Amino acid sequence: MSGGLKLRALYPRARAINYGEITKDSSLKNAYLWYKQLSSDAAHPSLEALTRHITKEGDGSLLVSVEPVPSEKDILDTIEWACEALMGVIVGANQIAGPVKAGENLPGLFDEFLRLAGVA
């Protein structure tokens, strides 16, 4: 019997996880909203995302690129979002594992991250 079948046998009436519902009253609400937005952008590109593939050449012609060159802002935004996601995973793992010695520094580190990101 596969793992999935075993779980269904043990929990025949298990509900699917509704991430919007479980995060609505938690500190993860903003992270979930970001996740939804980024997922939506990936599935349905915005005009801004599509224009990254089109550049105007010196002679006035348009060049369509399969691999656009990211702007410095795009790169910095990506790094910031990756750091934010990593911080979220670390905080979540600390909450799941229970308070651990290394986790005592997390509130200060998170506050420092928000300050550097210009959020706080």
PDB file of N, CA and C in Angstrom:
ATOM      1  N   MET A   1       0.857  -1.178   0.000  1.00  0.00           N
ATOM      2  CA  MET A   1       0.000   0.000   0.000  1.00  0.00           C
ATOM      3  C   MET A   1       0.901   1.238   0.000  1.00  0.00           C
ATOM      4  N   SER A   2       0.628   2.182  -0.912  1.00  0.00           N
ATOM      5  CA  SER A   2       1.442   3.392  -0.989  1.00  0.00           C
ATOM      6  C   SER A   2       1.155   4.308   0.199  1.00  0.00           C
ATOM      7  N   GLY A   3       2.062   5.289   0.397  1.00  0.00           N
ATOM      8  CA  GLY A   3       1.913   6.222   1.509  1.00  0.00           C
ATOM      9  C   GLY A   3       0.613   6.992   1.475  1.00  0.00           C
ATOM     10  N   GLY A   4       0.210   7.431   0.249  1.00  0.00           N
ATOM     11  CA  GLY A   4      -1.031   8.178   0.111  1.00  0.00           C
ATOM     12  C   GLY A   4      -2.255   7.350   0.472  1.00  0.00           C
ATOM     13  N   LEU A   5      -2.245   6.084   0.068  1.00  0.00           N
ATOM     14  CA  LEU A   5      -3.369   5.207   0.397  1.00  0.00           C
ATOM     15  C   LEU A   5      -3.427   4.918   1.892  1.00  0.00           C
ATOM     16  N   LYS A   6      -2.253   4.783   2.508  1.00  0.00           N
ATOM     17  CA  LYS A   6      -2.215   4.550   3.960  1.00  0.00           C
ATOM     18  C   LYS A   6      -2.809   5.748   4.705  1.00  0.00           C
ATOM     19  N   LEU A   7      -2.439   6.941   4.274  1.00  0.00           N
ATOM     20  CA  LEU A   7      -2.968   8.137   4.927  1.00  0.00           C
ATOM     21  C   LEU A   7      -4.476   8.237   4.749  1.00  0.00           C
ATOM     22  N   ARG A   8      -4.967   7.916   3.557  1.00  0.00           N
ATOM     23  CA  ARG A   8      -6.419   7.958   3.327  1.00  0.00           C
ATOM     24  C   ARG A   8      -7.147   6.929   4.180  1.00  0.00           C
ATOM     25  N   ALA A   9      -6.499   5.785   4.395  1.00  0.00           N
ATOM     26  CA  ALA A   9      -7.113   4.757   5.241  1.00  0.00           C
ATOM     27  C   ALA A   9      -7.160   5.220   6.699  1.00  0.00           C
ATOM     28  N   LEU A  10      -6.091   5.888   7.143  1.00  0.00           N
ATOM     29  CA  LEU A  10      -6.044   6.380   8.524  1.00  0.00           C
ATOM     30  C   LEU A  10      -6.955   7.587   8.744  1.00  0.00           C
ATOM     31  N   TYR A  11      -7.061   8.450   7.725  1.00  0.00           N
ATOM     32  CA  TYR A  11      -7.842   9.686   7.843  1.00  0.00           C
ATOM     33  C   TYR A  11      -8.805   9.799   6.658  1.00  0.00           C
ATOM     34  N   PRO A  12      -9.865   9.014   6.652  1.00  0.00           N
ATOM     35  CA  PRO A  12     -10.756   8.974   5.485  1.00  0.00           C
ATOM     36  C   PRO A  12     -11.518  10.280   5.232  1.00  0.00           C
ATOM     37  N   ARG A  13     -11.709  11.118   6.233  1.00  0.00           N
ATOM     38  CA  ARG A  13     -12.478  12.354   6.042  1.00  0.00           C
ATOM     39  C   ARG A  13     -11.601  13.602   6.174  1.00  0.00           C
ATOM     40  N   ALA A  14     -10.343  13.467   5.833  1.00  0.00           N
ATOM     41  CA  ALA A  14      -9.428  14.611   5.939  1.00  0.00           C
ATOM     42  C   ALA A  14      -9.813  15.688   4.928  1.00  0.00           C
ATOM     43  N   ARG A  15      -9.774  16.936   5.368  1.00  0.00           N
ATOM     44  CA  ARG A  15     -10.083  18.065   4.493  1.00  0.00           C
ATOM     45  C   ARG A  15      -8.804  18.567   3.840  1.00  0.00           C
ATOM     46  N   ALA A  16      -8.945  19.152   2.677  1.00  0.00           N
ATOM     47  CA  ALA A  16      -7.809  19.794   2.029  1.00  0.00           C
ATOM     48  C   ALA A  16      -7.420  21.022   2.848  1.00  0.00           C
ATOM     49  N   ILE A  17      -6.161  21.362   2.802  1.00  0.00           N
ATOM     50  CA  ILE A  17      -5.685  22.534   3.537  1.00  0.00           C
ATOM     51  C   ILE A  17      -6.103  23.796   2.785  1.00  0.00           C
ATOM     52  N   ASN A  18      -6.727  24.716   3.478  1.00  0.00           N
ATOM     53  CA  ASN A  18      -7.111  26.008   2.919  1.00  0.00           C
ATOM     54  C   ASN A  18      -6.157  27.036   3.522  1.00  0.00           C
ATOM     55  N   TYR A  19      -5.094  27.354   2.783  1.00  0.00           N
ATOM     56  CA  TYR A  19      -4.056  28.232   3.320  1.00  0.00           C
ATOM     57  C   TYR A  19      -4.574  29.634   3.612  1.00  0.00           C
ATOM     58  N   GLY A  20      -5.479  30.119   2.810  1.00  0.00           N
ATOM     59  CA  GLY A  20      -6.071  31.429   3.076  1.00  0.00           C
ATOM     60  C   GLY A  20      -6.787  31.447   4.413  1.00  0.00           C
ATOM     61  N   GLU A  21      -7.505  30.368   4.710  1.00  0.00           N
ATOM     62  CA  GLU A  21      -8.255  30.277   5.964  1.00  0.00           C
ATOM     63  C   GLU A  21      -7.329  30.167   7.179  1.00  0.00           C
ATOM     64  N   ILE A  22      -6.289  29.348   7.066  1.00  0.00           N
ATOM     65  CA  ILE A  22      -5.432  29.145   8.243  1.00  0.00           C
ATOM     66  C   ILE A  22      -4.465  30.291   8.485  1.00  0.00           C
ATOM     67  N   THR A  23      -4.263  31.163   7.502  1.00  0.00           N
ATOM     68  CA  THR A  23      -3.351  32.290   7.699  1.00  0.00           C
ATOM     69  C   THR A  23      -4.059  33.608   7.960  1.00  0.00           C
ATOM     70  N   LYS A  24      -5.392  33.641   7.875  1.00  0.00           N
ATOM     71  CA  LYS A  24      -6.098  34.934   7.941  1.00  0.00           C
ATOM     72  C   LYS A  24      -5.917  35.656   9.268  1.00  0.00           C
ATOM     73  N   ASP A  25      -5.758  34.948  10.364  1.00  0.00           N
ATOM     74  CA  ASP A  25      -5.587  35.581  11.669  1.00  0.00           C
ATOM     75  C   ASP A  25      -4.204  35.323  12.246  1.00  0.00           C
ATOM     76  N   SER A  26      -3.211  35.165  11.383  1.00  0.00           N
ATOM     77  CA  SER A  26      -1.868  34.854  11.884  1.00  0.00           C
ATOM     78  C   SER A  26      -0.849  35.832  11.318  1.00  0.00           C
ATOM     79  N   SER A  27       0.369  35.702  11.810  1.00  0.00           N
ATOM     80  CA  SER A  27       1.453  36.548  11.316  1.00  0.00           C
ATOM     81  C   SER A  27       1.830  36.181   9.883  1.00  0.00           C
ATOM     82  N   LEU A  28       1.314  35.063   9.370  1.00  0.00           N
ATOM     83  CA  LEU A  28       1.627  34.631   8.015  1.00  0.00           C
ATOM     84  C   LEU A  28       0.695  35.232   6.958  1.00  0.00           C
ATOM     85  N   LYS A  29      -0.275  36.029   7.393  1.00  0.00           N
ATOM     86  CA  LYS A  29      -1.259  36.580   6.454  1.00  0.00           C
ATOM     87  C   LYS A  29      -0.580  37.344   5.319  1.00  0.00           C
ATOM     88  N   ASN A  30       0.344  38.253   5.643  1.00  0.00           N
ATOM     89  CA  ASN A  30       1.003  39.043   4.608  1.00  0.00           C
ATOM     90  C   ASN A  30       1.848  38.165   3.695  1.00  0.00           C
ATOM     91  N   ALA A  31       2.500  37.149   4.265  1.00  0.00           N
ATOM     92  CA  ALA A  31       3.310  36.248   3.449  1.00  0.00           C
ATOM     93  C   ALA A  31       2.431  35.492   2.466  1.00  0.00           C
ATOM     94  N   TYR A  32       1.260  35.066   2.919  1.00  0.00           N
ATOM     95  CA  TYR A  32       0.355  34.339   2.022  1.00  0.00           C
ATOM     96  C   TYR A  32      -0.161  35.257   0.923  1.00  0.00           C
ATOM     97  N   LEU A  33      -0.430  36.506   1.257  1.00  0.00           N
ATOM     98  CA  LEU A  33      -0.895  37.454   0.240  1.00  0.00           C
ATOM     99  C   LEU A  33       0.185  37.657  -0.832  1.00  0.00           C
ATOM    100  N   TRP A  34       1.457  37.739  -0.404  1.00  0.00           N
ATOM    101  CA  TRP A  34       2.563  37.861  -1.355  1.00  0.00           C
ATOM    102  C   TRP A  34       2.644  36.622  -2.232  1.00  0.00           C
ATOM    103  N   TYR A  35       2.511  35.462  -1.598  1.00  0.00           N
ATOM    104  CA  TYR A  35       2.568  34.197  -2.340  1.00  0.00           C
ATOM    105  C   TYR A  35       1.473  34.173  -3.410  1.00  0.00           C
ATOM    106  N   LYS A  36       0.263  34.574  -3.038  1.00  0.00           N
ATOM    107  CA  LYS A  36      -0.839  34.585  -3.994  1.00  0.00           C
ATOM    108  C   LYS A  36      -0.543  35.521  -5.156  1.00  0.00           C
ATOM    109  N   GLN A  37      -0.004  36.698  -4.855  1.00  0.00           N
ATOM    110  CA  GLN A  37       0.289  37.675  -5.906  1.00  0.00           C
ATOM    111  C   GLN A  37       1.371  37.154  -6.846  1.00  0.00           C
ATOM    112  N   LEU A  38       2.458  36.602  -6.278  1.00  0.00           N
ATOM    113  CA  LEU A  38       3.536  36.092  -7.116  1.00  0.00           C
ATOM    114  C   LEU A  38       3.065  34.903  -7.948  1.00  0.00           C
ATOM    115  N   SER A  39       2.235  34.049  -7.374  1.00  0.00           N
ATOM    116  CA  SER A  39       1.693  32.908  -8.117  1.00  0.00           C
ATOM    117  C   SER A  39       0.803  33.388  -9.255  1.00  0.00           C
ATOM    118  N   SER A  40       0.000  34.385  -8.975  1.00  0.00           N
ATOM    119  CA  SER A  40      -0.883  34.935 -10.002  1.00  0.00           C
ATOM    120  C   SER A  40      -0.062  35.558 -11.130  1.00  0.00           C
ATOM    121  N   ASP A  41       0.997  36.303 -10.775  1.00  0.00           N
ATOM    122  CA  ASP A  41       1.842  36.922 -11.788  1.00  0.00           C
ATOM    123  C   ASP A  41       2.520  35.872 -12.665  1.00  0.00           C
ATOM    124  N   ALA A  42       2.900  34.738 -12.062  1.00  0.00           N
ATOM    125  CA  ALA A  42       3.563  33.681 -12.822  1.00  0.00           C
ATOM    126  C   ALA A  42       2.593  33.042 -13.812  1.00  0.00           C
ATOM    127  N   ALA A  43       1.348  32.861 -13.403  1.00  0.00           N
ATOM    128  CA  ALA A  43       0.360  32.219 -14.267  1.00  0.00           C
ATOM    129  C   ALA A  43      -0.242  33.205 -15.265  1.00  0.00           C
ATOM    130  N   HIS A  44      -0.369  34.465 -14.877  1.00  0.00           N
ATOM    131  CA  HIS A  44      -0.983  35.492 -15.715  1.00  0.00           C
ATOM    132  C   HIS A  44      -0.071  36.716 -15.703  1.00  0.00           C
ATOM    133  N   PRO A  45       0.931  36.739 -16.581  1.00  0.00           N
ATOM    134  CA  PRO A  45       1.904  37.838 -16.561  1.00  0.00           C
ATOM    135  C   PRO A  45       1.253  39.209 -16.724  1.00  0.00           C
ATOM    136  N   SER A  46       1.765  40.155 -15.970  1.00  0.00           N
ATOM    137  CA  SER A  46       1.272  41.525 -16.083  1.00  0.00           C
ATOM    138  C   SER A  46       1.901  42.198 -17.303  1.00  0.00           C
ATOM    139  N   LEU A  47       1.354  43.338 -17.660  1.00  0.00           N
ATOM    140  CA  LEU A  47       1.914  44.102 -18.770  1.00  0.00           C
ATOM    141  C   LEU A  47       3.364  44.475 -18.462  1.00  0.00           C
ATOM    142  N   GLU A  48       3.633  44.829 -17.209  1.00  0.00           N
ATOM    143  CA  GLU A  48       5.009  45.161 -16.807  1.00  0.00           C
ATOM    144  C   GLU A  48       5.940  43.974 -17.040  1.00  0.00           C
ATOM    145  N   ALA A  49       5.495  42.770 -16.667  1.00  0.00           N
ATOM    146  CA  ALA A  49       6.322  41.586 -16.852  1.00  0.00           C
ATOM    147  C   ALA A  49       6.565  41.312 -18.333  1.00  0.00           C
ATOM    148  N   LEU A  50       5.538  41.491 -19.144  1.00  0.00           N
ATOM    149  CA  LEU A  50       5.682  41.228 -20.580  1.00  0.00           C
ATOM    150  C   LEU A  50       6.590  42.252 -21.259  1.00  0.00           C
ATOM    151  N   THR A  51       6.559  43.508 -20.798  1.00  0.00           N
ATOM    152  CA  THR A  51       7.387  44.533 -21.443  1.00  0.00           C
ATOM    153  C   THR A  51       8.872  44.323 -21.177  1.00  0.00           C
ATOM    154  N   ARG A  52       9.222  43.485 -20.232  1.00  0.00           N
ATOM    155  CA  ARG A  52      10.641  43.165 -20.020  1.00  0.00           C
ATOM    156  C   ARG A  52      11.222  42.452 -21.238  1.00  0.00           C
ATOM    157  N   HIS A  53      10.373  41.849 -22.025  1.00  0.00           N
ATOM    158  CA  HIS A  53      10.819  41.088 -23.189  1.00  0.00           C
ATOM    159  C   HIS A  53      10.924  41.949 -24.448  1.00  0.00           C
ATOM    160  N   ILE A  54      10.514  43.210 -24.356  1.00  0.00           N
ATOM    161  CA  ILE A  54      10.520  44.086 -25.532  1.00  0.00           C
ATOM    162  C   ILE A  54      11.399  45.300 -25.241  1.00  0.00           C
ATOM    163  N   THR A  55      12.361  45.546 -26.116  1.00  0.00           N
ATOM    164  CA  THR A  55      13.209  46.737 -25.975  1.00  0.00           C
ATOM    165  C   THR A  55      13.200  47.494 -27.302  1.00  0.00           C
ATOM    166  N   LYS A  56      13.328  48.788 -27.186  1.00  0.00           N
ATOM    167  CA  LYS A  56      13.365  49.635 -28.382  1.00  0.00           C
ATOM    168  C   LYS A  56      14.827  49.847 -28.769  1.00  0.00           C
ATOM    169  N   GLU A  57      15.136  49.545 -29.985  1.00  0.00           N
ATOM    170  CA  GLU A  57      16.496  49.682 -30.498  1.00  0.00           C
ATOM    171  C   GLU A  57      16.759  51.129 -30.926  1.00  0.00           C
ATOM    172  N   GLY A  58      18.019  51.449 -31.162  1.00  0.00           N
ATOM    173  CA  GLY A  58      18.405  52.802 -31.553  1.00  0.00           C
ATOM    174  C   GLY A  58      17.757  53.280 -32.839  1.00  0.00           C
ATOM    175  N   ASP A  59      17.472  52.354 -33.762  1.00  0.00           N
ATOM    176  CA  ASP A  59      16.855  52.740 -35.037  1.00  0.00           C
ATOM    177  C   ASP A  59      15.326  52.805 -34.956  1.00  0.00           C
ATOM    178  N   GLY A  60      14.780  52.620 -33.731  1.00  0.00           N
ATOM    179  CA  GLY A  60      13.336  52.694 -33.538  1.00  0.00           C
ATOM    180  C   GLY A  60      12.629  51.355 -33.641  1.00  0.00           C
ATOM    181  N   SER A  61      13.337  50.328 -34.071  1.00  0.00           N
ATOM    182  CA  SER A  61      12.696  49.009 -34.172  1.00  0.00           C
ATOM    183  C   SER A  61      12.560  48.394 -32.780  1.00  0.00           C
ATOM    184  N   LEU A  62      11.674  47.415 -32.686  1.00  0.00           N
ATOM    185  CA  LEU A  62      11.448  46.719 -31.419  1.00  0.00           C
ATOM    186  C   LEU A  62      12.120  45.357 -31.468  1.00  0.00           C
ATOM    187  N   LEU A  63      12.760  45.001 -30.367  1.00  0.00           N
ATOM    188  CA  LEU A  63      13.417  43.700 -30.256  1.00  0.00           C
ATOM    189  C   LEU A  63      12.688  42.892 -29.188  1.00  0.00           C
ATOM    190  N   VAL A  64      12.250  41.703 -29.552  1.00  0.00           N
ATOM    191  CA  VAL A  64      11.591  40.808 -28.610  1.00  0.00           C
ATOM    192  C   VAL A  64      12.627  39.780 -28.171  1.00  0.00           C
ATOM    193  N   SER A  65      12.869  39.706 -26.854  1.00  0.00           N
ATOM    194  CA  SER A  65      13.881  38.807 -26.306  1.00  0.00           C
ATOM    195  C   SER A  65      13.230  37.655 -25.560  1.00  0.00           C
ATOM    196  N   VAL A  66      13.756  36.464 -25.763  1.00  0.00           N
ATOM    197  CA  VAL A  66      13.276  35.310 -25.012  1.00  0.00           C
ATOM    198  C   VAL A  66      13.817  35.370 -23.590  1.00  0.00           C
ATOM    199  N   GLU A  67      15.052  35.810 -23.441  1.00  0.00           N
ATOM    200  CA  GLU A  67      15.678  35.944 -22.128  1.00  0.00           C
ATOM    201  C   GLU A  67      15.958  37.423 -21.863  1.00  0.00           C
ATOM    202  N   PRO A  68      15.029  38.113 -21.230  1.00  0.00           N
ATOM    203  CA  PRO A  68      15.237  39.542 -20.994  1.00  0.00           C
ATOM    204  C   PRO A  68      16.347  39.778 -19.970  1.00  0.00           C
ATOM    205  N   VAL A  69      16.981  40.920 -20.087  1.00  0.00           N
ATOM    206  CA  VAL A  69      17.996  41.315 -19.121  1.00  0.00           C
ATOM    207  C   VAL A  69      17.278  41.974 -17.948  1.00  0.00           C
ATOM    208  N   PRO A  70      17.418  41.407 -16.740  1.00  0.00           N
ATOM    209  CA  PRO A  70      16.700  41.997 -15.601  1.00  0.00           C
ATOM    210  C   PRO A  70      17.315  43.336 -15.202  1.00  0.00           C
ATOM    211  N   SER A  71      16.469  44.217 -14.719  1.00  0.00           N
ATOM    212  CA  SER A  71      16.955  45.498 -14.214  1.00  0.00           C
ATOM    213  C   SER A  71      17.556  45.276 -12.828  1.00  0.00           C
ATOM    214  N   GLU A  72      18.293  46.257 -12.354  1.00  0.00           N
ATOM    215  CA  GLU A  72      18.867  46.155 -11.008  1.00  0.00           C
ATOM    216  C   GLU A  72      17.751  46.050  -9.967  1.00  0.00           C
ATOM    217  N   LYS A  73      16.654  46.769 -10.183  1.00  0.00           N
ATOM    218  CA  LYS A  73      15.512  46.697  -9.262  1.00  0.00           C
ATOM    219  C   LYS A  73      14.932  45.289  -9.231  1.00  0.00           C
ATOM    220  N   ASP A  74      14.793  44.656 -10.401  1.00  0.00           N
ATOM    221  CA  ASP A  74      14.282  43.286 -10.451  1.00  0.00           C
ATOM    222  C   ASP A  74      15.170  42.344  -9.636  1.00  0.00           C
ATOM    223  N   ILE A  75      16.472  42.503  -9.793  1.00  0.00           N
ATOM    224  CA  ILE A  75      17.419  41.639  -9.073  1.00  0.00           C
ATOM    225  C   ILE A  75      17.325  41.876  -7.568  1.00  0.00           C
ATOM    226  N   LEU A  76      17.302  43.146  -7.160  1.00  0.00           N
ATOM    227  CA  LEU A  76      17.223  43.455  -5.731  1.00  0.00           C
ATOM    228  C   LEU A  76      15.888  43.013  -5.133  1.00  0.00           C
ATOM    229  N   ASP A  77      14.791  43.178  -5.880  1.00  0.00           N
ATOM    230  CA  ASP A  77      13.483  42.703  -5.403  1.00  0.00           C
ATOM    231  C   ASP A  77      13.512  41.191  -5.200  1.00  0.00           C
ATOM    232  N   THR A  78      14.102  40.467  -6.147  1.00  0.00           N
ATOM    233  CA  THR A  78      14.172  39.009  -6.053  1.00  0.00           C
ATOM    234  C   THR A  78      14.981  38.582  -4.843  1.00  0.00           C
ATOM    235  N   ILE A  79      16.093  39.243  -4.597  1.00  0.00           N
ATOM    236  CA  ILE A  79      16.923  38.919  -3.423  1.00  0.00           C
ATOM    237  C   ILE A  79      16.146  39.202  -2.144  1.00  0.00           C
ATOM    238  N   GLU A  80      15.455  40.338  -2.099  1.00  0.00           N
ATOM    239  CA  GLU A  80      14.674  40.676  -0.904  1.00  0.00           C
ATOM    240  C   GLU A  80      13.577  39.643  -0.659  1.00  0.00           C
ATOM    241  N   TRP A  81      12.859  39.256  -1.726  1.00  0.00           N
ATOM    242  CA  TRP A  81      11.781  38.265  -1.556  1.00  0.00           C
ATOM    243  C   TRP A  81      12.336  36.910  -1.129  1.00  0.00           C
ATOM    244  N   ALA A  82      13.500  36.546  -1.656  1.00  0.00           N
ATOM    245  CA  ALA A  82      14.121  35.277  -1.255  1.00  0.00           C
ATOM    246  C   ALA A  82      14.508  35.319   0.222  1.00  0.00           C
ATOM    247  N   CYS A  83      15.058  36.445   0.665  1.00  0.00           N
ATOM    248  CA  CYS A  83      15.416  36.593   2.085  1.00  0.00           C
ATOM    249  C   CYS A  83      14.160  36.557   2.960  1.00  0.00           C
ATOM    250  N   GLU A  84      13.104  37.214   2.503  1.00  0.00           N
ATOM    251  CA  GLU A  84      11.853  37.222   3.255  1.00  0.00           C
ATOM    252  C   GLU A  84      11.287  35.807   3.368  1.00  0.00           C
ATOM    253  N   ALA A  85      11.345  35.062   2.267  1.00  0.00           N
ATOM    254  CA  ALA A  85      10.853  33.678   2.289  1.00  0.00           C
ATOM    255  C   ALA A  85      11.702  32.826   3.229  1.00  0.00           C
ATOM    256  N   LEU A  86      13.010  32.993   3.174  1.00  0.00           N
ATOM    257  CA  LEU A  86      13.900  32.228   4.048  1.00  0.00           C
ATOM    258  C   LEU A  86      13.632  32.547   5.517  1.00  0.00           C
ATOM    259  N   MET A  87      13.449  33.828   5.828  1.00  0.00           N
ATOM    260  CA  MET A  87      13.134  34.213   7.202  1.00  0.00           C
ATOM    261  C   MET A  87      11.817  33.569   7.644  1.00  0.00           C
ATOM    262  N   GLY A  88      10.841  33.546   6.752  1.00  0.00           N
ATOM    263  CA  GLY A  88       9.555  32.923   7.077  1.00  0.00           C
ATOM    264  C   GLY A  88       9.699  31.443   7.360  1.00  0.00           C
ATOM    265  N   VAL A  89      10.510  30.754   6.562  1.00  0.00           N
ATOM    266  CA  VAL A  89      10.742  29.320   6.784  1.00  0.00           C
ATOM    267  C   VAL A  89      11.444  29.097   8.117  1.00  0.00           C
ATOM    268  N   ILE A  90      12.421  29.927   8.418  1.00  0.00           N
ATOM    269  CA  ILE A  90      13.161  29.779   9.678  1.00  0.00           C
ATOM    270  C   ILE A  90      12.236  30.016  10.865  1.00  0.00           C
ATOM    271  N   VAL A  91      11.443  31.076  10.809  1.00  0.00           N
ATOM    272  CA  VAL A  91      10.511  31.373  11.905  1.00  0.00           C
ATOM    273  C   VAL A  91       9.486  30.245  12.043  1.00  0.00           C
ATOM    274  N   GLY A  92       8.948  29.780  10.915  1.00  0.00           N
ATOM    275  CA  GLY A  92       7.982  28.689  10.953  1.00  0.00           C
ATOM    276  C   GLY A  92       8.578  27.409  11.516  1.00  0.00           C
ATOM    277  N   ALA A  93       9.798  27.070  11.097  1.00  0.00           N
ATOM    278  CA  ALA A  93      10.463  25.861  11.608  1.00  0.00           C
ATOM    279  C   ALA A  93      10.710  25.977  13.105  1.00  0.00           C
ATOM    280  N   ASN A  94      11.064  27.164  13.569  1.00  0.00           N
ATOM    281  CA  ASN A  94      11.277  27.378  14.998  1.00  0.00           C
ATOM    282  C   ASN A  94       9.972  27.193  15.777  1.00  0.00           C
ATOM    283  N   GLN A  95       8.871  27.670  15.188  1.00  0.00           N
ATOM    284  CA  GLN A  95       7.570  27.505  15.848  1.00  0.00           C
ATOM    285  C   GLN A  95       7.164  26.036  15.887  1.00  0.00           C
ATOM    286  N   ILE A  96       7.422  25.310  14.810  1.00  0.00           N
ATOM    287  CA  ILE A  96       7.073  23.891  14.754  1.00  0.00           C
ATOM    288  C   ILE A  96       7.939  23.082  15.725  1.00  0.00           C
ATOM    289  N   ALA A  97       9.233  23.368  15.745  1.00  0.00           N
ATOM    290  CA  ALA A  97      10.163  22.615  16.594  1.00  0.00           C
ATOM    291  C   ALA A  97      10.020  22.998  18.061  1.00  0.00           C
ATOM    292  N   GLY A  98       9.384  24.089  18.321  1.00  0.00           N
ATOM    293  CA  GLY A  98       9.313  24.597  19.684  1.00  0.00           C
ATOM    294  C   GLY A  98      10.491  25.523  19.898  1.00  0.00           C
ATOM    295  N   PRO A  99      10.426  26.332  20.910  1.00  0.00           N
ATOM    296  CA  PRO A  99      11.525  27.272  21.135  1.00  0.00           C
ATOM    297  C   PRO A  99      12.858  26.531  21.303  1.00  0.00           C
ATOM    298  N   VAL A 100      13.801  26.884  20.468  1.00  0.00           N
ATOM    299  CA  VAL A 100      15.151  26.328  20.570  1.00  0.00           C
ATOM    300  C   VAL A 100      16.112  27.470  20.867  1.00  0.00           C
ATOM    301  N   LYS A 101      17.270  27.147  21.381  1.00  0.00           N
ATOM    302  CA  LYS A 101      18.246  28.153  21.806  1.00  0.00           C
ATOM    303  C   LYS A 101      18.557  29.146  20.677  1.00  0.00           C
ATOM    304  N   ALA A 102      18.824  28.625  19.475  1.00  0.00           N
ATOM    305  CA  ALA A 102      19.159  29.507  18.352  1.00  0.00           C
ATOM    306  C   ALA A 102      17.983  30.402  17.980  1.00  0.00           C
ATOM    307  N   GLY A 103      16.755  29.960  18.259  1.00  0.00           N
ATOM    308  CA  GLY A 103      15.570  30.727  17.918  1.00  0.00           C
ATOM    309  C   GLY A 103      15.373  31.967  18.763  1.00  0.00           C
ATOM    310  N   GLU A 104      16.101  32.061  19.871  1.00  0.00           N
ATOM    311  CA  GLU A 104      15.968  33.241  20.739  1.00  0.00           C
ATOM    312  C   GLU A 104      16.377  34.522  20.020  1.00  0.00           C
ATOM    313  N   ASN A 105      17.232  34.412  19.017  1.00  0.00           N
ATOM    314  CA  ASN A 105      17.720  35.584  18.286  1.00  0.00           C
ATOM    315  C   ASN A 105      16.793  35.998  17.136  1.00  0.00           C
ATOM    316  N   LEU A 106      15.802  35.165  16.810  1.00  0.00           N
ATOM    317  CA  LEU A 106      14.968  35.433  15.644  1.00  0.00           C
ATOM    318  C   LEU A 106      14.209  36.755  15.683  1.00  0.00           C
ATOM    319  N   PRO A 107      13.566  37.126  16.794  1.00  0.00           N
ATOM    320  CA  PRO A 107      12.846  38.407  16.760  1.00  0.00           C
ATOM    321  C   PRO A 107      13.750  39.590  16.414  1.00  0.00           C
ATOM    322  N   GLY A 108      14.928  39.639  16.995  1.00  0.00           N
ATOM    323  CA  GLY A 108      15.864  40.727  16.695  1.00  0.00           C
ATOM    324  C   GLY A 108      16.351  40.691  15.259  1.00  0.00           C
ATOM    325  N   LEU A 109      16.625  39.482  14.753  1.00  0.00           N
ATOM    326  CA  LEU A 109      17.073  39.347  13.365  1.00  0.00           C
ATOM    327  C   LEU A 109      15.970  39.747  12.393  1.00  0.00           C
ATOM    328  N   PHE A 110      14.747  39.368  12.708  1.00  0.00           N
ATOM    329  CA  PHE A 110      13.629  39.714  11.831  1.00  0.00           C
ATOM    330  C   PHE A 110      13.403  41.218  11.828  1.00  0.00           C
ATOM    331  N   ASP A 111      13.488  41.843  12.986  1.00  0.00           N
ATOM    332  CA  ASP A 111      13.347  43.300  13.062  1.00  0.00           C
ATOM    333  C   ASP A 111      14.448  43.988  12.258  1.00  0.00           C
ATOM    334  N   GLU A 112      15.669  43.463  12.336  1.00  0.00           N
ATOM    335  CA  GLU A 112      16.789  44.025  11.588  1.00  0.00           C
ATOM    336  C   GLU A 112      16.557  43.870  10.074  1.00  0.00           C
ATOM    337  N   PHE A 113      16.040  42.728   9.679  1.00  0.00           N
ATOM    338  CA  PHE A 113      15.724  42.491   8.272  1.00  0.00           C
ATOM    339  C   PHE A 113      14.698  43.520   7.773  1.00  0.00           C
ATOM    340  N   LEU A 114      13.622  43.702   8.555  1.00  0.00           N
ATOM    341  CA  LEU A 114      12.593  44.667   8.166  1.00  0.00           C
ATOM    342  C   LEU A 114      13.166  46.077   8.078  1.00  0.00           C
ATOM    343  N   ARG A 115      14.065  46.418   9.007  1.00  0.00           N
ATOM    344  CA  ARG A 115      14.683  47.749   8.967  1.00  0.00           C
ATOM    345  C   ARG A 115      15.519  47.907   7.686  1.00  0.00           C
ATOM    346  N   LEU A 116      16.336  46.887   7.369  1.00  0.00           N
ATOM    347  CA  LEU A 116      17.177  46.961   6.170  1.00  0.00           C
ATOM    348  C   LEU A 116      16.344  46.977   4.887  1.00  0.00           C
ATOM    349  N   ALA A 117      15.214  46.286   4.914  1.00  0.00           N
ATOM    350  CA  ALA A 117      14.337  46.234   3.742  1.00  0.00           C
ATOM    351  C   ALA A 117      13.517  47.514   3.598  1.00  0.00           C
ATOM    352  N   GLY A 118      13.569  48.374   4.614  1.00  0.00           N
ATOM    353  CA  GLY A 118      12.827  49.620   4.564  1.00  0.00           C
ATOM    354  C   GLY A 118      11.347  49.462   4.867  1.00  0.00           C
ATOM    355  N   VAL A 119      11.005  48.338   5.520  1.00  0.00           N
ATOM    356  CA  VAL A 119       9.605  48.080   5.852  1.00  0.00           C
ATOM    357  C   VAL A 119       9.269  48.667   7.209  1.00  0.00           C
ATOM    358  N   ALA A 120      10.202  48.620   8.130  1.00  0.00           N
ATOM    359  CA  ALA A 120       9.939  49.087   9.501  1.00  0.00           C
ATOM    360  C   ALA A 120      10.637  50.398   9.767  1.00  0.00           C
TER     361      ALA A 120
END
